Amino acid sequence: MTFKRARSEEQREIRRRAILDTAAAMLDEMPVAEVSLNELSRRVGLAKSNVLRYFESREAVLLELLDVFLERWLTELADELAAGVDAHAGPEERARELAEVLSRSLADRTVLCDLFGAQGGVLEHNVSVEVVKRHKRSSLARLTTMTDLVRRHVPELGAGAQLFCLMSLVSAGALSAYVPPPPSLLAAYADEPALGALHLELDEALRASFTATLLGALPRDLKA
C-alpha cells in the first residue's frame, strides 16, 4: 500500500485509520513488544517520518488502539453480562456469575490484555503530555462505563465497583504476561510434572482473582 501526500482532513483521517488498522493486524500476529515503528511503516506503505506526522511515536499508536479495543470490548461485555448474570439470584451468586463472564471475556481477548499489560510500563512512556492526557481522559470514561455495567449487575458493591473494575483490568494485563508459556517452560513442565502447579491458564487465574475480590467486597451483612 502506498499513499500520496494527504491534502485534506478526510485524506489525513484515511491515513490515520490505515496506520491503526495495520497496527491492529500486526497485533494479531505478534505481542505488543514486537511491534516496531519500522515494520509498521513498511506494512502501511509510508516512510517512518510520514507515520510520525500522524502519531508521535509507536506508543501513541498503541495507546489509541488500546482505547479502540477497550470501547469495542465494553460494548460486547454489556451483552455478555446481560446473558450471563441472573438478575434474580442472590448477591453472592451474581458476583460469581459476573466473575465468570468477565474472566472468560477478557481471556478471549488476549491482545487487549497484552495492551493493558504494557500500558503503564511501556505505552505511557515516549509520548507527550497532551497524548497522555487525552488517553487518560478516554480511559476514565471507559472505566466509568465498565463501573456502571458492574454496578448494574451487582449493585451491592456500591462505591467499591470502580476500584474492582480498575484492578480487574490491571490484573488482566499482569496475568496475561504468563500465557502462553514459552516452549522452554512447557518442556520443563513435561520433564517435571510437579512444576505444573505454577502453570496459569488465563481464564482460570482471572476467575479466581475476580471471584475472591468480588466476594470480599460485598457488604458483610449480605454474607452473613
C-alpha atoms as a PDB file:
ATOM      1  CA  MET A   1       0.000   0.000   0.000  1.00  0.00           C
ATOM      2  CA  THR A   2       1.341   3.424  -0.970  1.00  0.00           C
ATOM      3  CA  PHE A   3      -0.108   6.873  -0.388  1.00  0.00           C
ATOM      4  CA  LYS A   4       0.223  10.253  -1.981  1.00  0.00           C
ATOM      5  CA  ARG A   5       0.571  13.198   0.336  1.00  0.00           C
ATOM      6  CA  ALA A   6      -2.637  13.902   2.246  1.00  0.00           C
ATOM      7  CA  ARG A   7      -4.038  17.323   1.410  1.00  0.00           C
ATOM      8  CA  SER A   8      -7.385  17.301   3.219  1.00  0.00           C
ATOM      9  CA  GLU A   9      -8.695  16.308   6.631  1.00  0.00           C
ATOM     10  CA  GLU A  10     -10.529  13.410   5.032  1.00  0.00           C
ATOM     11  CA  GLN A  11      -7.312  12.149   3.478  1.00  0.00           C
ATOM     12  CA  ARG A  12      -5.466  12.568   6.762  1.00  0.00           C
ATOM     13  CA  GLU A  13      -8.128  10.535   8.531  1.00  0.00           C
ATOM     14  CA  ILE A  14      -7.783   7.810   5.924  1.00  0.00           C
ATOM     15  CA  ARG A  15      -4.031   7.704   6.635  1.00  0.00           C
ATOM     16  CA  ARG A  16      -4.576   7.580  10.393  1.00  0.00           C
ATOM     17  CA  ARG A  17      -7.105   4.778  10.040  1.00  0.00           C
ATOM     18  CA  ALA A  18      -4.752   2.820   7.780  1.00  0.00           C
ATOM     19  CA  ILE A  19      -1.972   3.110  10.370  1.00  0.00           C
ATOM     20  CA  LEU A  20      -4.270   1.954  13.173  1.00  0.00           C
ATOM     21  CA  ASP A  21      -5.708  -0.904  11.121  1.00  0.00           C
ATOM     22  CA  THR A  22      -2.225  -2.063  10.141  1.00  0.00           C
ATOM     23  CA  ALA A  23      -1.023  -1.957  13.746  1.00  0.00           C
ATOM     24  CA  ALA A  24      -4.105  -3.920  14.808  1.00  0.00           C
ATOM     25  CA  ALA A  25      -3.337  -6.575  12.193  1.00  0.00           C
ATOM     26  CA  MET A  26       0.227  -6.802  13.469  1.00  0.00           C
ATOM     27  CA  LEU A  27      -1.055  -7.414  16.995  1.00  0.00           C
ATOM     28  CA  ASP A  28      -2.905 -10.458  15.691  1.00  0.00           C
ATOM     29  CA  GLU A  29       0.478 -11.860  14.667  1.00  0.00           C
ATOM     30  CA  MET A  30       2.832 -10.738  17.402  1.00  0.00           C
ATOM     31  CA  PRO A  31       2.898  -9.424  21.001  1.00  0.00           C
ATOM     32  CA  VAL A  32       2.963  -5.706  21.733  1.00  0.00           C
ATOM     33  CA  ALA A  33       6.692  -5.822  22.494  1.00  0.00           C
ATOM     34  CA  GLU A  34       7.492  -6.928  18.915  1.00  0.00           C
ATOM     35  CA  VAL A  35       5.501  -4.217  17.119  1.00  0.00           C
ATOM     36  CA  SER A  36       8.077  -1.799  15.738  1.00  0.00           C
ATOM     37  CA  LEU A  37       7.658   1.535  14.025  1.00  0.00           C
ATOM     38  CA  ASN A  38       9.894   0.395  11.175  1.00  0.00           C
ATOM     39  CA  GLU A  39       7.742  -2.640  10.418  1.00  0.00           C
ATOM     40  CA  LEU A  40       4.543  -0.677  10.850  1.00  0.00           C
ATOM     41  CA  SER A  41       5.801   1.918   8.362  1.00  0.00           C
ATOM     42  CA  ARG A  42       6.785  -0.769   5.876  1.00  0.00           C
ATOM     43  CA  ARG A  43       3.430  -2.510   6.064  1.00  0.00           C
ATOM     44  CA  VAL A  44       1.364   0.647   5.819  1.00  0.00           C
ATOM     45  CA  GLY A  45       3.420   1.902   2.858  1.00  0.00           C
ATOM     46  CA  LEU A  46       4.612   5.158   4.391  1.00  0.00           C
ATOM     47  CA  ALA A  47       8.050   6.391   5.350  1.00  0.00           C
ATOM     48  CA  LYS A  48       8.597   6.349   9.102  1.00  0.00           C
ATOM     49  CA  SER A  49       8.795  10.142   9.075  1.00  0.00           C
ATOM     50  CA  ASN A  50       5.353  10.258   7.481  1.00  0.00           C
ATOM     51  CA  VAL A  51       3.872   7.897  10.056  1.00  0.00           C
ATOM     52  CA  LEU A  52       5.213  10.249  12.715  1.00  0.00           C
ATOM     53  CA  ARG A  53       3.172  13.072  11.192  1.00  0.00           C
ATOM     54  CA  TYR A  54       0.039  11.259  12.315  1.00  0.00           C
ATOM     55  CA  PHE A  55       1.251   9.654  15.545  1.00  0.00           C
ATOM     56  CA  GLU A  56       4.191  10.983  17.521  1.00  0.00           C
ATOM     57  CA  SER A  57       5.527   7.514  18.384  1.00  0.00           C
ATOM     58  CA  ARG A  58       4.863   3.780  18.252  1.00  0.00           C
ATOM     59  CA  GLU A  59       3.477   4.074  21.766  1.00  0.00           C
ATOM     60  CA  ALA A  60       0.971   6.722  20.703  1.00  0.00           C
ATOM     61  CA  VAL A  61      -0.379   4.364  18.035  1.00  0.00           C
ATOM     62  CA  LEU A  62      -0.777   1.547  20.530  1.00  0.00           C
ATOM     63  CA  LEU A  63      -2.389   3.759  23.166  1.00  0.00           C
ATOM     64  CA  GLU A  64      -5.053   4.771  20.662  1.00  0.00           C
ATOM     65  CA  LEU A  65      -5.591   1.144  19.729  1.00  0.00           C
ATOM     66  CA  LEU A  66      -5.993   0.292  23.405  1.00  0.00           C
ATOM     67  CA  ASP A  67      -8.823   2.788  23.612  1.00  0.00           C
ATOM     68  CA  VAL A  68     -10.438   1.446  20.429  1.00  0.00           C
ATOM     69  CA  PHE A  69     -10.258  -2.158  21.645  1.00  0.00           C
ATOM     70  CA  LEU A  70     -11.474  -1.228  25.120  1.00  0.00           C
ATOM     71  CA  GLU A  71     -14.516   0.598  23.780  1.00  0.00           C
ATOM     72  CA  ARG A  72     -15.351  -2.327  21.498  1.00  0.00           C
ATOM     73  CA  TRP A  73     -14.961  -4.811  24.344  1.00  0.00           C
ATOM     74  CA  LEU A  74     -17.200  -2.880  26.717  1.00  0.00           C
ATOM     75  CA  THR A  75     -19.964  -2.822  24.115  1.00  0.00           C
ATOM     76  CA  GLU A  76     -19.723  -6.599  23.772  1.00  0.00           C
ATOM     77  CA  LEU A  77     -19.371  -7.083  27.529  1.00  0.00           C
ATOM     78  CA  ALA A  78     -22.733  -5.412  28.149  1.00  0.00           C
ATOM     79  CA  ASP A  79     -24.458  -8.159  26.156  1.00  0.00           C
ATOM     80  CA  GLU A  80     -22.342 -10.911  27.717  1.00  0.00           C
ATOM     81  CA  LEU A  81     -23.217  -9.798  31.233  1.00  0.00           C
ATOM     82  CA  ALA A  82     -26.903  -9.438  30.405  1.00  0.00           C
ATOM     83  CA  ALA A  83     -26.909 -13.049  29.191  1.00  0.00           C
ATOM     84  CA  GLY A  84     -24.656 -14.487  31.890  1.00  0.00           C
ATOM     85  CA  VAL A  85     -25.794 -12.901  35.171  1.00  0.00           C
ATOM     86  CA  ASP A  86     -29.145 -13.909  36.656  1.00  0.00           C
ATOM     87  CA  ALA A  87     -30.840 -10.754  37.885  1.00  0.00           C
ATOM     88  CA  HIS A  88     -32.981 -12.794  40.296  1.00  0.00           C
ATOM     89  CA  ALA A  89     -30.072 -14.550  42.040  1.00  0.00           C
ATOM     90  CA  GLY A  90     -28.646 -13.503  45.393  1.00  0.00           C
ATOM     91  CA  PRO A  91     -25.648 -11.152  45.682  1.00  0.00           C
ATOM     92  CA  GLU A  92     -23.010 -13.877  46.033  1.00  0.00           C
ATOM     93  CA  GLU A  93     -24.314 -15.872  43.092  1.00  0.00           C
ATOM     94  CA  ARG A  94     -24.476 -12.778  40.893  1.00  0.00           C
ATOM     95  CA  ALA A  95     -20.920 -11.889  41.942  1.00  0.00           C
ATOM     96  CA  ARG A  96     -19.713 -15.365  40.969  1.00  0.00           C
ATOM     97  CA  GLU A  97     -21.507 -15.175  37.635  1.00  0.00           C
ATOM     98  CA  LEU A  98     -20.062 -11.744  36.954  1.00  0.00           C
ATOM     99  CA  ALA A  99     -16.561 -13.052  37.698  1.00  0.00           C
ATOM    100  CA  GLU A 100     -17.166 -15.971  35.339  1.00  0.00           C
ATOM    101  CA  VAL A 101     -18.351 -13.785  32.465  1.00  0.00           C
ATOM    102  CA  LEU A 102     -15.655 -11.149  32.986  1.00  0.00           C
ATOM    103  CA  SER A 103     -12.782 -13.636  33.189  1.00  0.00           C
ATOM    104  CA  ARG A 104     -13.925 -15.555  30.121  1.00  0.00           C
ATOM    105  CA  SER A 105     -14.476 -12.357  28.158  1.00  0.00           C
ATOM    106  CA  LEU A 106     -11.024 -10.955  28.919  1.00  0.00           C
ATOM    107  CA  ALA A 107      -9.246 -14.274  28.377  1.00  0.00           C
ATOM    108  CA  ASP A 108     -10.783 -14.409  24.899  1.00  0.00           C
ATOM    109  CA  ARG A 109      -9.216 -11.017  24.113  1.00  0.00           C
ATOM    110  CA  THR A 110      -5.518 -11.634  24.572  1.00  0.00           C
ATOM    111  CA  VAL A 111      -4.488  -8.591  22.507  1.00  0.00           C
ATOM    112  CA  LEU A 112      -6.457  -6.290  24.793  1.00  0.00           C
ATOM    113  CA  CYS A 113      -4.881  -7.926  27.847  1.00  0.00           C
ATOM    114  CA  ASP A 114      -1.416  -7.589  26.305  1.00  0.00           C
ATOM    115  CA  LEU A 115      -2.037  -3.878  25.754  1.00  0.00           C
ATOM    116  CA  PHE A 116      -3.176  -3.490  29.370  1.00  0.00           C
ATOM    117  CA  GLY A 117      -0.008  -5.234  30.480  1.00  0.00           C
ATOM    118  CA  ALA A 118       2.168  -2.814  28.511  1.00  0.00           C
ATOM    119  CA  GLN A 119       0.208   0.316  29.361  1.00  0.00           C
ATOM    120  CA  GLY A 120       1.961   1.589  32.473  1.00  0.00           C
ATOM    121  CA  GLY A 121       5.485   0.337  31.887  1.00  0.00           C
ATOM    122  CA  VAL A 122       5.794   0.918  28.133  1.00  0.00           C
ATOM    123  CA  LEU A 123       2.941   2.643  26.312  1.00  0.00           C
ATOM    124  CA  GLU A 124       2.669   5.656  28.589  1.00  0.00           C
ATOM    125  CA  HIS A 125       6.357   6.404  28.007  1.00  0.00           C
ATOM    126  CA  ASN A 126       7.772   8.135  24.912  1.00  0.00           C
ATOM    127  CA  VAL A 127       4.583  10.165  24.478  1.00  0.00           C
ATOM    128  CA  SER A 128       3.826  13.818  25.101  1.00  0.00           C
ATOM    129  CA  VAL A 129       1.817  15.244  27.968  1.00  0.00           C
ATOM    130  CA  GLU A 130      -1.045  16.003  25.582  1.00  0.00           C
ATOM    131  CA  VAL A 131      -1.187  12.406  24.340  1.00  0.00           C
ATOM    132  CA  VAL A 132      -1.165  11.081  27.905  1.00  0.00           C
ATOM    133  CA  LYS A 133      -3.892  13.499  28.970  1.00  0.00           C
ATOM    134  CA  ARG A 134      -6.081  12.530  26.029  1.00  0.00           C
ATOM    135  CA  HIS A 135      -5.504   8.846  26.744  1.00  0.00           C
ATOM    136  CA  LYS A 136      -6.267   9.215  30.448  1.00  0.00           C
ATOM    137  CA  ARG A 137      -9.473  11.162  29.767  1.00  0.00           C
ATOM    138  CA  SER A 138     -10.613   8.386  27.495  1.00  0.00           C
ATOM    139  CA  SER A 139      -9.557   5.720  29.994  1.00  0.00           C
ATOM    140  CA  LEU A 140     -11.539   7.411  32.724  1.00  0.00           C
ATOM    141  CA  ALA A 141     -14.633   7.482  30.519  1.00  0.00           C
ATOM    142  CA  ARG A 142     -14.226   3.761  29.728  1.00  0.00           C
ATOM    143  CA  LEU A 143     -13.716   2.983  33.418  1.00  0.00           C
ATOM    144  CA  THR A 144     -16.955   4.802  34.214  1.00  0.00           C
ATOM    145  CA  THR A 145     -18.765   2.736  31.575  1.00  0.00           C
ATOM    146  CA  MET A 146     -17.387  -0.513  32.994  1.00  0.00           C
ATOM    147  CA  THR A 147     -18.207   0.542  36.551  1.00  0.00           C
ATOM    148  CA  ASP A 148     -21.805   1.254  35.569  1.00  0.00           C
ATOM    149  CA  LEU A 149     -22.038  -2.191  33.943  1.00  0.00           C
ATOM    150  CA  VAL A 150     -20.689  -3.981  37.004  1.00  0.00           C
ATOM    151  CA  ARG A 151     -22.847  -1.985  39.391  1.00  0.00           C
ATOM    152  CA  ARG A 152     -25.923  -2.726  37.280  1.00  0.00           C
ATOM    153  CA  HIS A 153     -25.487  -6.451  37.927  1.00  0.00           C
ATOM    154  CA  VAL A 154     -24.073  -6.333  41.467  1.00  0.00           C
ATOM    155  CA  PRO A 155     -25.328  -3.018  42.913  1.00  0.00           C
ATOM    156  CA  GLU A 156     -24.355  -4.204  46.380  1.00  0.00           C
ATOM    157  CA  LEU A 157     -20.738  -3.347  45.540  1.00  0.00           C
ATOM    158  CA  GLY A 158     -21.600   0.341  45.775  1.00  0.00           C
ATOM    159  CA  ALA A 159     -18.578   2.625  45.624  1.00  0.00           C
ATOM    160  CA  GLY A 160     -16.274  -0.391  45.519  1.00  0.00           C
ATOM    161  CA  ALA A 161     -17.307  -1.187  41.945  1.00  0.00           C
ATOM    162  CA  GLN A 162     -14.915   1.331  40.407  1.00  0.00           C
ATOM    163  CA  LEU A 163     -11.873   0.037  42.262  1.00  0.00           C
ATOM    164  CA  PHE A 164     -12.814  -3.524  41.341  1.00  0.00           C
ATOM    165  CA  CYS A 165     -13.018  -2.579  37.661  1.00  0.00           C
ATOM    166  CA  LEU A 166      -9.684  -0.793  37.719  1.00  0.00           C
ATOM    167  CA  MET A 167      -7.942  -3.658  39.488  1.00  0.00           C
ATOM    168  CA  SER A 168      -9.529  -6.257  37.209  1.00  0.00           C
ATOM    169  CA  LEU A 169      -8.023  -4.580  34.145  1.00  0.00           C
ATOM    170  CA  VAL A 170      -4.633  -4.301  35.853  1.00  0.00           C
ATOM    171  CA  SER A 171      -4.846  -7.991  36.791  1.00  0.00           C
ATOM    172  CA  ALA A 172      -5.732  -8.994  33.243  1.00  0.00           C
ATOM    173  CA  GLY A 173      -2.657  -7.187  31.968  1.00  0.00           C
ATOM    174  CA  ALA A 174      -0.355  -8.640  34.595  1.00  0.00           C
ATOM    175  CA  LEU A 175      -1.583 -12.234  34.293  1.00  0.00           C
ATOM    176  CA  SER A 176      -1.547 -12.206  30.505  1.00  0.00           C
ATOM    177  CA  ALA A 177       2.251 -11.950  30.619  1.00  0.00           C
ATOM    178  CA  TYR A 178       2.364 -15.586  31.761  1.00  0.00           C
ATOM    179  CA  VAL A 179       0.371 -17.028  28.857  1.00  0.00           C
ATOM    180  CA  PRO A 180       1.010 -18.716  26.607  1.00  0.00           C
ATOM    181  CA  PRO A 181       4.107 -20.166  28.295  1.00  0.00           C
ATOM    182  CA  PRO A 182       7.255 -20.317  26.142  1.00  0.00           C
ATOM    183  CA  PRO A 183       8.399 -23.708  24.770  1.00  0.00           C
ATOM    184  CA  SER A 184      11.186 -23.984  27.366  1.00  0.00           C
ATOM    185  CA  LEU A 185       8.667 -23.672  30.175  1.00  0.00           C
ATOM    186  CA  LEU A 186       6.359 -26.270  28.649  1.00  0.00           C
ATOM    187  CA  ALA A 187       9.343 -28.599  28.313  1.00  0.00           C
ATOM    188  CA  ALA A 188      10.213 -28.052  31.978  1.00  0.00           C
ATOM    189  CA  TYR A 189       6.647 -28.918  32.994  1.00  0.00           C
ATOM    190  CA  ALA A 190       6.812 -32.062  30.861  1.00  0.00           C
ATOM    191  CA  ASP A 191      10.108 -33.142  32.457  1.00  0.00           C
ATOM    192  CA  GLU A 192       8.920 -32.364  35.999  1.00  0.00           C
ATOM    193  CA  PRO A 193       5.118 -32.562  36.225  1.00  0.00           C
ATOM    194  CA  ALA A 194       5.176 -31.229  39.790  1.00  0.00           C
ATOM    195  CA  LEU A 195       6.242 -27.876  38.380  1.00  0.00           C
ATOM    196  CA  GLY A 196       2.909 -27.696  36.577  1.00  0.00           C
ATOM    197  CA  ALA A 197       1.392 -26.287  39.750  1.00  0.00           C
ATOM    198  CA  LEU A 198       2.935 -22.988  38.658  1.00  0.00           C
ATOM    199  CA  HIS A 199       1.205 -23.088  35.273  1.00  0.00           C
ATOM    200  CA  LEU A 200      -1.551 -20.500  34.788  1.00  0.00           C
ATOM    201  CA  GLU A 201      -4.495 -20.647  32.429  1.00  0.00           C
ATOM    202  CA  LEU A 202      -5.573 -17.056  31.968  1.00  0.00           C
ATOM    203  CA  ASP A 203      -9.314 -17.584  32.329  1.00  0.00           C
ATOM    204  CA  GLU A 204      -8.895 -19.715  35.452  1.00  0.00           C
ATOM    205  CA  ALA A 205      -6.493 -17.261  37.077  1.00  0.00           C
ATOM    206  CA  LEU A 206      -8.739 -14.294  36.305  1.00  0.00           C
ATOM    207  CA  ARG A 207     -11.827 -16.118  37.544  1.00  0.00           C
ATOM    208  CA  ALA A 208     -10.194 -16.952  40.870  1.00  0.00           C
ATOM    209  CA  SER A 209      -8.946 -13.390  41.288  1.00  0.00           C
ATOM    210  CA  PHE A 210     -12.228 -11.735  40.335  1.00  0.00           C
ATOM    211  CA  THR A 211     -14.347 -14.065  42.443  1.00  0.00           C
ATOM    212  CA  ALA A 212     -12.249 -13.567  45.558  1.00  0.00           C
ATOM    213  CA  THR A 213     -12.215  -9.793  45.087  1.00  0.00           C
ATOM    214  CA  LEU A 214     -15.945  -9.504  44.426  1.00  0.00           C
ATOM    215  CA  LEU A 215     -16.983 -11.718  47.322  1.00  0.00           C
ATOM    216  CA  GLY A 216     -14.597  -9.877  49.623  1.00  0.00           C
ATOM    217  CA  ALA A 217     -16.042  -6.528  48.539  1.00  0.00           C
ATOM    218  CA  LEU A 218     -19.655  -7.409  49.277  1.00  0.00           C
ATOM    219  CA  PRO A 219     -21.006  -5.828  52.494  1.00  0.00           C
ATOM    220  CA  ARG A 220     -20.655  -8.165  55.464  1.00  0.00           C
ATOM    221  CA  ASP A 221     -24.390  -8.243  56.239  1.00  0.00           C
ATOM    222  CA  LEU A 222     -25.044  -9.748  52.797  1.00  0.00           C
ATOM    223  CA  LYS A 223     -22.614 -12.608  53.501  1.00  0.00           C
ATOM    224  CA  ALA A 224     -23.857 -13.480  56.954  1.00  0.00           C
END
